[in-house]
Amino acid sequence: MQLINLLVLLPALVSAAHGDPRRMSYSGSCIIAKDGTWSPKCTTAYVEAALGSQCKELGGALSNINFQTSVTQINYRCNCVHGNTKDFTYNDGVFEAKAVIGDKC
């Protein structure tokens, strides 16, 4: 009986530990070298895959908020990340994006 109660309460406890889900925005660009070039890996598909994976790990779902996203301007939203997520900068050596936490979902 106690095991069943624990299994029923576990999702609520995990949710409470993460806080209220929040929207998070990513804004950035490909890392541009001193000679004005950037990595050929820095494509829209690469950026979406990298941010999408990270967004999913944070409990959210990625959406493109600027349909003119290019290698020089990255604008995405990660909807409903864990509420305990803080602002940070994502930099994988190919592109950099500031992640800023916003309103509740």
N, C-alpha and C. Protein backbone atom coordinates (compact mmCIF):
# COMPACT_ATOMS: atom_id res chain seq x y z
N MET A 1 0.82 -1.20 0.00
CA MET A 1 0.00 0.00 0.00
C MET A 1 0.86 1.26 0.00
N GLN A 2 1.93 1.26 0.82
CA GLN A 2 2.80 2.44 0.88
C GLN A 2 3.52 2.63 -0.45
N LEU A 3 3.89 1.53 -1.11
CA LEU A 3 4.55 1.63 -2.41
C LEU A 3 3.61 2.24 -3.44
N ILE A 4 2.36 1.85 -3.41
CA ILE A 4 1.38 2.41 -4.35
C ILE A 4 1.21 3.91 -4.10
N ASN A 5 1.13 4.31 -2.83
CA ASN A 5 1.01 5.73 -2.51
C ASN A 5 2.21 6.51 -3.01
N LEU A 6 3.40 5.95 -2.85
CA LEU A 6 4.62 6.60 -3.32
C LEU A 6 4.60 6.75 -4.83
N LEU A 7 4.17 5.72 -5.54
CA LEU A 7 4.12 5.79 -7.00
C LEU A 7 3.10 6.82 -7.49
N VAL A 8 2.03 6.98 -6.75
CA VAL A 8 1.01 7.97 -7.12
C VAL A 8 1.52 9.38 -6.84
N LEU A 9 2.23 9.57 -5.76
CA LEU A 9 2.70 10.89 -5.36
C LEU A 9 3.98 11.32 -6.07
N LEU A 10 4.76 10.39 -6.59
CA LEU A 10 6.06 10.71 -7.18
C LEU A 10 5.99 11.76 -8.28
N PRO A 11 5.09 11.66 -9.25
CA PRO A 11 5.03 12.71 -10.28
C PRO A 11 4.76 14.11 -9.71
N ALA A 12 3.91 14.20 -8.71
CA ALA A 12 3.62 15.50 -8.10
C ALA A 12 4.84 16.04 -7.36
N LEU A 13 5.58 15.16 -6.70
CA LEU A 13 6.79 15.58 -5.99
C LEU A 13 7.85 16.05 -6.96
N VAL A 14 8.02 15.34 -8.07
CA VAL A 14 9.01 15.73 -9.08
C VAL A 14 8.62 17.07 -9.68
N SER A 15 7.35 17.26 -9.99
CA SER A 15 6.87 18.52 -10.56
C SER A 15 7.12 19.67 -9.60
N ALA A 16 6.85 19.48 -8.34
CA ALA A 16 7.06 20.53 -7.35
C ALA A 16 8.54 20.87 -7.23
N ALA A 17 9.41 19.89 -7.36
CA ALA A 17 10.85 20.12 -7.26
C ALA A 17 11.36 20.97 -8.42
N HIS A 18 10.73 20.88 -9.58
CA HIS A 18 11.16 21.64 -10.75
C HIS A 18 10.57 23.04 -10.79
N GLY A 19 9.57 23.34 -10.01
CA GLY A 19 8.93 24.65 -10.03
C GLY A 19 7.92 24.78 -11.15
N ASP A 20 7.27 25.94 -11.22
CA ASP A 20 6.28 26.20 -12.27
C ASP A 20 6.95 26.30 -13.63
N PRO A 21 6.43 25.64 -14.65
CA PRO A 21 7.02 25.71 -15.99
C PRO A 21 7.08 27.15 -16.50
N ARG A 22 8.16 27.48 -17.21
CA ARG A 22 8.38 28.83 -17.72
C ARG A 22 8.72 28.80 -19.21
N ARG A 23 8.52 29.92 -19.88
CA ARG A 23 8.98 30.07 -21.26
C ARG A 23 10.43 30.55 -21.22
N MET A 24 11.23 30.09 -22.15
CA MET A 24 12.62 30.51 -22.22
C MET A 24 12.93 30.90 -23.67
N SER A 25 13.59 32.01 -23.87
CA SER A 25 13.94 32.42 -25.23
C SER A 25 15.45 32.29 -25.44
N TYR A 26 15.81 31.84 -26.64
CA TYR A 26 17.21 31.77 -27.06
C TYR A 26 17.44 32.87 -28.09
N SER A 27 18.51 33.62 -27.95
CA SER A 27 18.86 34.64 -28.93
C SER A 27 20.37 34.64 -29.11
N GLY A 28 20.84 34.56 -30.35
CA GLY A 28 22.28 34.54 -30.58
C GLY A 28 22.63 34.43 -32.04
N SER A 29 23.81 33.88 -32.32
CA SER A 29 24.28 33.74 -33.70
C SER A 29 25.42 32.73 -33.76
N CYS A 30 25.81 32.39 -34.99
CA CYS A 30 26.98 31.56 -35.18
C CYS A 30 28.20 32.32 -34.65
N ILE A 31 29.19 31.58 -34.19
CA ILE A 31 30.42 32.21 -33.73
C ILE A 31 31.23 32.59 -34.96
N ILE A 32 31.50 33.88 -35.10
CA ILE A 32 32.20 34.39 -36.28
C ILE A 32 33.66 34.61 -35.93
N ALA A 33 34.55 34.04 -36.74
CA ALA A 33 35.99 34.16 -36.53
C ALA A 33 36.46 35.57 -36.89
N LYS A 34 37.70 35.89 -36.52
CA LYS A 34 38.26 37.21 -36.81
C LYS A 34 38.29 37.50 -38.31
N ASP A 35 38.39 36.46 -39.13
CA ASP A 35 38.43 36.68 -40.58
C ASP A 35 37.03 36.80 -41.19
N GLY A 36 35.99 36.81 -40.35
CA GLY A 36 34.63 37.00 -40.82
C GLY A 36 33.92 35.73 -41.25
N THR A 37 34.53 34.58 -41.04
CA THR A 37 33.90 33.31 -41.42
C THR A 37 33.34 32.61 -40.19
N TRP A 38 32.49 31.62 -40.44
CA TRP A 38 31.96 30.80 -39.36
C TRP A 38 31.98 29.35 -39.80
N SER A 39 31.77 28.47 -38.86
CA SER A 39 31.82 27.03 -39.13
C SER A 39 30.75 26.62 -40.14
N PRO A 40 31.12 25.78 -41.12
CA PRO A 40 30.11 25.28 -42.05
C PRO A 40 29.06 24.41 -41.35
N LYS A 41 29.36 23.96 -40.13
CA LYS A 41 28.39 23.19 -39.35
C LYS A 41 27.23 24.06 -38.88
N CYS A 42 27.45 25.36 -38.81
CA CYS A 42 26.44 26.26 -38.26
C CYS A 42 25.35 26.54 -39.29
N THR A 43 24.40 25.63 -39.35
CA THR A 43 23.25 25.75 -40.24
C THR A 43 21.99 25.83 -39.38
N THR A 44 20.90 26.24 -39.98
CA THR A 44 19.64 26.29 -39.25
C THR A 44 19.28 24.92 -38.69
N ALA A 45 19.49 23.87 -39.48
CA ALA A 45 19.18 22.51 -39.03
C ALA A 45 20.03 22.12 -37.82
N TYR A 46 21.31 22.47 -37.85
CA TYR A 46 22.22 22.16 -36.73
C TYR A 46 21.77 22.88 -35.46
N VAL A 47 21.49 24.17 -35.59
CA VAL A 47 21.07 24.97 -34.44
C VAL A 47 19.77 24.42 -33.86
N GLU A 48 18.79 24.13 -34.73
CA GLU A 48 17.51 23.60 -34.25
C GLU A 48 17.69 22.26 -33.55
N ALA A 49 18.55 21.40 -34.08
CA ALA A 49 18.78 20.10 -33.45
C ALA A 49 19.43 20.27 -32.07
N ALA A 50 20.44 21.13 -31.98
CA ALA A 50 21.15 21.33 -30.71
C ALA A 50 20.24 21.97 -29.66
N LEU A 51 19.56 23.04 -30.03
CA LEU A 51 18.67 23.70 -29.07
C LEU A 51 17.45 22.85 -28.75
N GLY A 52 16.95 22.12 -29.74
CA GLY A 52 15.81 21.24 -29.51
C GLY A 52 16.12 20.15 -28.50
N SER A 53 17.32 19.58 -28.62
CA SER A 53 17.75 18.54 -27.68
C SER A 53 17.88 19.11 -26.27
N GLN A 54 18.53 20.26 -26.16
CA GLN A 54 18.70 20.87 -24.85
C GLN A 54 17.35 21.27 -24.25
N CYS A 55 16.49 21.85 -25.07
CA CYS A 55 15.17 22.27 -24.62
C CYS A 55 14.39 21.07 -24.07
N LYS A 56 14.45 19.97 -24.77
CA LYS A 56 13.75 18.76 -24.33
C LYS A 56 14.29 18.27 -22.99
N GLU A 57 15.62 18.34 -22.80
CA GLU A 57 16.22 17.93 -21.53
C GLU A 57 15.75 18.82 -20.38
N LEU A 58 15.40 20.07 -20.69
CA LEU A 58 14.92 21.00 -19.67
C LEU A 58 13.40 20.90 -19.49
N GLY A 59 12.77 19.96 -20.19
CA GLY A 59 11.33 19.74 -20.03
C GLY A 59 10.46 20.51 -20.99
N GLY A 60 11.05 21.20 -21.97
CA GLY A 60 10.28 22.04 -22.88
C GLY A 60 10.17 21.51 -24.29
N ALA A 61 9.57 22.33 -25.14
CA ALA A 61 9.42 22.04 -26.57
C ALA A 61 9.86 23.27 -27.35
N LEU A 62 10.73 23.09 -28.34
CA LEU A 62 11.31 24.19 -29.10
C LEU A 62 10.37 24.70 -30.17
N SER A 63 10.34 26.03 -30.35
CA SER A 63 9.62 26.63 -31.47
C SER A 63 10.45 27.79 -32.01
N ASN A 64 10.34 28.02 -33.30
CA ASN A 64 11.05 29.11 -33.97
C ASN A 64 10.18 30.35 -33.86
N ILE A 65 10.68 31.40 -33.21
CA ILE A 65 9.87 32.60 -33.04
C ILE A 65 10.20 33.68 -34.08
N ASN A 66 11.20 33.42 -34.91
CA ASN A 66 11.55 34.35 -35.98
C ASN A 66 11.78 33.50 -37.22
N PHE A 67 10.83 33.46 -38.10
CA PHE A 67 10.93 32.56 -39.25
C PHE A 67 11.96 33.02 -40.26
N GLN A 68 12.67 34.10 -39.96
CA GLN A 68 13.79 34.53 -40.79
C GLN A 68 15.10 34.16 -40.11
N THR A 69 15.08 33.18 -39.21
CA THR A 69 16.29 32.75 -38.52
C THR A 69 17.36 32.41 -39.55
N SER A 70 18.55 32.88 -39.29
CA SER A 70 19.69 32.60 -40.16
C SER A 70 20.90 32.37 -39.28
N VAL A 71 22.05 32.14 -39.91
CA VAL A 71 23.25 31.90 -39.12
C VAL A 71 23.69 33.14 -38.35
N THR A 72 23.24 34.31 -38.77
CA THR A 72 23.64 35.53 -38.07
C THR A 72 22.60 35.98 -37.05
N GLN A 73 21.43 35.35 -37.03
CA GLN A 73 20.40 35.73 -36.07
C GLN A 73 19.59 34.50 -35.66
N ILE A 74 19.78 34.06 -34.44
CA ILE A 74 19.10 32.87 -33.91
C ILE A 74 18.05 33.34 -32.90
N ASN A 75 16.79 33.01 -33.14
CA ASN A 75 15.70 33.36 -32.23
C ASN A 75 14.74 32.18 -32.11
N TYR A 76 14.77 31.54 -30.95
CA TYR A 76 13.90 30.40 -30.68
C TYR A 76 13.29 30.56 -29.30
N ARG A 77 12.20 29.84 -29.07
CA ARG A 77 11.58 29.78 -27.76
C ARG A 77 11.51 28.32 -27.34
N CYS A 78 11.80 28.10 -26.08
CA CYS A 78 11.63 26.77 -25.48
C CYS A 78 10.45 26.90 -24.53
N ASN A 79 9.34 26.30 -24.90
CA ASN A 79 8.11 26.45 -24.11
C ASN A 79 8.06 25.46 -22.96
N CYS A 80 7.82 26.00 -21.79
CA CYS A 80 7.53 25.22 -20.58
C CYS A 80 8.72 24.41 -20.05
N VAL A 81 9.87 25.09 -19.88
CA VAL A 81 11.00 24.44 -19.23
C VAL A 81 10.72 24.36 -17.73
N HIS A 82 11.51 23.55 -17.04
CA HIS A 82 11.36 23.43 -15.59
C HIS A 82 11.48 24.81 -14.95
N GLY A 83 10.65 25.08 -13.99
CA GLY A 83 10.62 26.39 -13.34
C GLY A 83 11.88 26.77 -12.59
N ASN A 84 12.73 25.79 -12.27
CA ASN A 84 13.96 26.10 -11.55
C ASN A 84 15.13 26.38 -12.50
N THR A 85 14.87 26.46 -13.81
CA THR A 85 15.91 26.78 -14.79
C THR A 85 16.25 28.26 -14.68
N LYS A 86 17.54 28.59 -14.75
CA LYS A 86 18.01 29.98 -14.66
C LYS A 86 18.54 30.42 -16.02
N ASP A 87 18.70 31.74 -16.22
CA ASP A 87 19.31 32.27 -17.43
C ASP A 87 20.72 31.69 -17.59
N PHE A 88 21.13 31.46 -18.84
CA PHE A 88 22.47 30.94 -19.11
C PHE A 88 22.84 31.25 -20.55
N THR A 89 24.10 30.99 -20.91
CA THR A 89 24.56 31.13 -22.29
C THR A 89 24.94 29.76 -22.81
N TYR A 90 24.37 29.38 -23.95
CA TYR A 90 24.70 28.12 -24.62
C TYR A 90 25.80 28.42 -25.63
N ASN A 91 26.92 27.72 -25.55
CA ASN A 91 28.02 27.91 -26.49
C ASN A 91 28.66 26.55 -26.72
N ASP A 92 28.48 26.01 -27.92
CA ASP A 92 29.07 24.71 -28.24
C ASP A 92 30.29 24.85 -29.16
N GLY A 93 30.80 26.08 -29.32
CA GLY A 93 31.94 26.32 -30.19
C GLY A 93 31.54 26.58 -31.63
N VAL A 94 30.29 26.31 -31.97
CA VAL A 94 29.78 26.54 -33.33
C VAL A 94 28.86 27.76 -33.33
N PHE A 95 27.99 27.84 -32.33
CA PHE A 95 27.12 29.01 -32.18
C PHE A 95 26.93 29.30 -30.70
N GLU A 96 26.50 30.52 -30.43
CA GLU A 96 26.26 30.95 -29.06
C GLU A 96 24.87 31.56 -28.99
N ALA A 97 24.14 31.24 -27.93
CA ALA A 97 22.80 31.80 -27.74
C ALA A 97 22.56 32.05 -26.25
N LYS A 98 22.09 33.24 -25.93
CA LYS A 98 21.69 33.54 -24.56
C LYS A 98 20.30 32.95 -24.34
N ALA A 99 20.15 32.27 -23.23
CA ALA A 99 18.85 31.69 -22.86
C ALA A 99 18.32 32.50 -21.68
N VAL A 100 17.15 33.10 -21.87
CA VAL A 100 16.55 33.96 -20.85
C VAL A 100 15.18 33.42 -20.47
N ILE A 101 14.98 33.25 -19.18
CA ILE A 101 13.71 32.73 -18.66
C ILE A 101 12.68 33.84 -18.63
N GLY A 102 11.45 33.50 -19.02
CA GLY A 102 10.37 34.49 -19.07
C GLY A 102 9.16 34.09 -18.25
N ASP A 103 7.99 34.37 -18.80
CA ASP A 103 6.71 34.15 -18.12
C ASP A 103 6.41 32.68 -17.87
N LYS A 104 5.45 32.45 -16.96
CA LYS A 104 4.95 31.10 -16.72
C LYS A 104 4.17 30.62 -17.94
N CYS A 105 4.17 29.31 -18.14
CA CYS A 105 3.39 28.71 -19.24
C CYS A 105 1.93 28.63 -18.86
